[in-house]
Amino acid sequence: MWGNNADYAYVQATVDRSRCRVADMEFSSLAMMYLQGSGGRPGNTQAAALLAKLYELTSVPLSDYRGGMFCTPEVLVVGDIGAECITLA
């Protein structure tokens, strides 16, 4: 879908797989929505904290991830990624 789209830059990071986890981006998006408030509702820090904890607790190591586990999976890298490990593809 995005393969030939000049509006996107493709970033490649080379890291050890053991530093990677997969989580459902929906939980972090909802946590941010509740933290900032949305649709005229005030922020709710308690709800945001619960969703952030759910995001953390349901994440899995990359080696345990199977397609379909999450609606909107995202890969998280624990720790820093050195500049020498990042390239534009």
C-alpha atoms as a PDB file:
ATOM      1  CA  MET A   1       0.000   0.000   0.000  1.00  0.00           C
ATOM      2  CA  TRP A   2       2.712   2.525   0.931  1.00  0.00           C
ATOM      3  CA  GLY A   3       5.503   0.961  -1.101  1.00  0.00           C
ATOM      4  CA  ASN A   4       5.513   3.569  -3.868  1.00  0.00           C
ATOM      5  CA  ASN A   5       4.272   6.560  -1.886  1.00  0.00           C
ATOM      6  CA  ALA A   6       6.782   9.440  -1.928  1.00  0.00           C
ATOM      7  CA  ASP A   7       5.004  11.014   1.054  1.00  0.00           C
ATOM      8  CA  TYR A   8       6.521   8.414   3.392  1.00  0.00           C
ATOM      9  CA  ALA A   9      10.075   7.876   4.563  1.00  0.00           C
ATOM     10  CA  TYR A  10      10.946   4.313   5.519  1.00  0.00           C
ATOM     11  CA  VAL A  11      13.100   3.950   8.609  1.00  0.00           C
ATOM     12  CA  GLN A  12      14.966   0.751   9.377  1.00  0.00           C
ATOM     13  CA  ALA A  13      16.351   0.109  12.855  1.00  0.00           C
ATOM     14  CA  THR A  14      18.640  -2.822  13.529  1.00  0.00           C
ATOM     15  CA  VAL A  15      18.295  -4.032  17.117  1.00  0.00           C
ATOM     16  CA  ASP A  16      18.544  -7.315  18.973  1.00  0.00           C
ATOM     17  CA  ARG A  17      15.180  -9.126  18.827  1.00  0.00           C
ATOM     18  CA  SER A  18      15.310  -9.756  22.569  1.00  0.00           C
ATOM     19  CA  ARG A  19      14.875  -5.996  23.100  1.00  0.00           C
ATOM     20  CA  CYS A  20      11.604  -5.928  21.136  1.00  0.00           C
ATOM     21  CA  ARG A  21       8.051  -6.283  22.414  1.00  0.00           C
ATOM     22  CA  VAL A  22       4.722  -6.080  20.613  1.00  0.00           C
ATOM     23  CA  ALA A  23       1.696  -4.305  22.070  1.00  0.00           C
ATOM     24  CA  ASP A  24      -1.713  -3.133  20.905  1.00  0.00           C
ATOM     25  CA  MET A  25      -1.485   0.517  19.901  1.00  0.00           C
ATOM     26  CA  GLU A  26      -5.197   0.976  20.712  1.00  0.00           C
ATOM     27  CA  PHE A  27      -4.452   0.911  24.450  1.00  0.00           C
ATOM     28  CA  SER A  28      -1.800   3.623  24.207  1.00  0.00           C
ATOM     29  CA  SER A  29      -4.019   5.743  21.936  1.00  0.00           C
ATOM     30  CA  LEU A  30      -6.911   5.480  24.385  1.00  0.00           C
ATOM     31  CA  ALA A  31      -4.612   6.270  27.313  1.00  0.00           C
ATOM     32  CA  MET A  32      -3.491   9.471  25.565  1.00  0.00           C
ATOM     33  CA  MET A  33      -7.092  10.380  24.748  1.00  0.00           C
ATOM     34  CA  TYR A  34      -8.110  10.027  28.398  1.00  0.00           C
ATOM     35  CA  LEU A  35      -5.023  11.845  29.607  1.00  0.00           C
ATOM     36  CA  GLN A  36      -5.611  14.864  27.353  1.00  0.00           C
ATOM     37  CA  GLY A  37      -9.405  14.806  27.280  1.00  0.00           C
ATOM     38  CA  SER A  38     -11.378  14.394  24.080  1.00  0.00           C
ATOM     39  CA  GLY A  39     -14.716  15.315  22.561  1.00  0.00           C
ATOM     40  CA  GLY A  40     -15.385  17.973  25.163  1.00  0.00           C
ATOM     41  CA  ARG A  41     -14.662  15.606  28.043  1.00  0.00           C
ATOM     42  CA  PRO A  42     -12.042  16.609  30.575  1.00  0.00           C
ATOM     43  CA  GLY A  43      -8.957  14.473  30.993  1.00  0.00           C
ATOM     44  CA  ASN A  44      -9.125  11.502  33.331  1.00  0.00           C
ATOM     45  CA  THR A  45      -5.701  10.596  34.681  1.00  0.00           C
ATOM     46  CA  GLN A  46      -6.965   7.514  36.516  1.00  0.00           C
ATOM     47  CA  ALA A  47      -8.446   6.015  33.336  1.00  0.00           C
ATOM     48  CA  ALA A  48      -5.284   6.938  31.422  1.00  0.00           C
ATOM     49  CA  ALA A  49      -3.114   5.174  34.005  1.00  0.00           C
ATOM     50  CA  LEU A  50      -5.263   2.029  33.869  1.00  0.00           C
ATOM     51  CA  LEU A  51      -5.081   1.896  30.069  1.00  0.00           C
ATOM     52  CA  ALA A  52      -1.323   2.467  30.142  1.00  0.00           C
ATOM     53  CA  LYS A  53      -0.972  -0.411  32.615  1.00  0.00           C
ATOM     54  CA  LEU A  54      -3.143  -2.631  30.399  1.00  0.00           C
ATOM     55  CA  TYR A  55      -0.897  -1.736  27.443  1.00  0.00           C
ATOM     56  CA  GLU A  56       2.168  -2.741  29.446  1.00  0.00           C
ATOM     57  CA  LEU A  57       0.706  -5.951  30.883  1.00  0.00           C
ATOM     58  CA  THR A  58      -0.627  -7.266  27.569  1.00  0.00           C
ATOM     59  CA  SER A  59       2.550  -6.617  25.562  1.00  0.00           C
ATOM     60  CA  VAL A  60       4.469  -9.740  24.554  1.00  0.00           C
ATOM     61  CA  PRO A  61       8.070 -10.426  23.544  1.00  0.00           C
ATOM     62  CA  LEU A  62       8.524 -10.301  19.771  1.00  0.00           C
ATOM     63  CA  SER A  63       9.367 -14.011  19.801  1.00  0.00           C
ATOM     64  CA  ASP A  64       5.916 -14.796  21.271  1.00  0.00           C
ATOM     65  CA  TYR A  65       3.911 -12.587  18.908  1.00  0.00           C
ATOM     66  CA  ARG A  66       1.581 -14.265  16.423  1.00  0.00           C
ATOM     67  CA  GLY A  67      -0.353 -12.459  13.712  1.00  0.00           C
ATOM     68  CA  GLY A  68      -3.832 -11.453  14.812  1.00  0.00           C
ATOM     69  CA  MET A  69      -3.016 -11.158  18.527  1.00  0.00           C
ATOM     70  CA  PHE A  70      -3.689  -7.411  18.439  1.00  0.00           C
ATOM     71  CA  CYS A  71      -5.932  -5.228  16.278  1.00  0.00           C
ATOM     72  CA  THR A  72      -3.200  -2.615  15.793  1.00  0.00           C
ATOM     73  CA  PRO A  73       0.155  -4.130  16.734  1.00  0.00           C
ATOM     74  CA  GLU A  74       3.208  -1.969  17.252  1.00  0.00           C
ATOM     75  CA  VAL A  75       6.782  -2.979  17.984  1.00  0.00           C
ATOM     76  CA  LEU A  76       8.489  -1.396  20.976  1.00  0.00           C
ATOM     77  CA  VAL A  77      12.236  -1.362  21.488  1.00  0.00           C
ATOM     78  CA  VAL A  78      13.476  -1.378  25.067  1.00  0.00           C
ATOM     79  CA  GLY A  79      16.298   1.119  25.543  1.00  0.00           C
ATOM     80  CA  ASP A  80      18.069   3.451  23.180  1.00  0.00           C
ATOM     81  CA  ILE A  81      18.721   2.853  19.493  1.00  0.00           C
ATOM     82  CA  GLY A  82      22.106   4.174  18.446  1.00  0.00           C
ATOM     83  CA  ALA A  83      22.304   6.421  15.387  1.00  0.00           C
ATOM     84  CA  GLU A  84      24.552   3.845  13.686  1.00  0.00           C
ATOM     85  CA  CYS A  85      21.654   1.350  13.871  1.00  0.00           C
ATOM     86  CA  ILE A  86      19.174   3.571  11.985  1.00  0.00           C
ATOM     87  CA  THR A  87      18.968   3.943   8.207  1.00  0.00           C
ATOM     88  CA  LEU A  88      16.480   5.391   5.769  1.00  0.00           C
ATOM     89  CA  ALA A  89      15.281   2.777   3.306  1.00  0.00           C
END
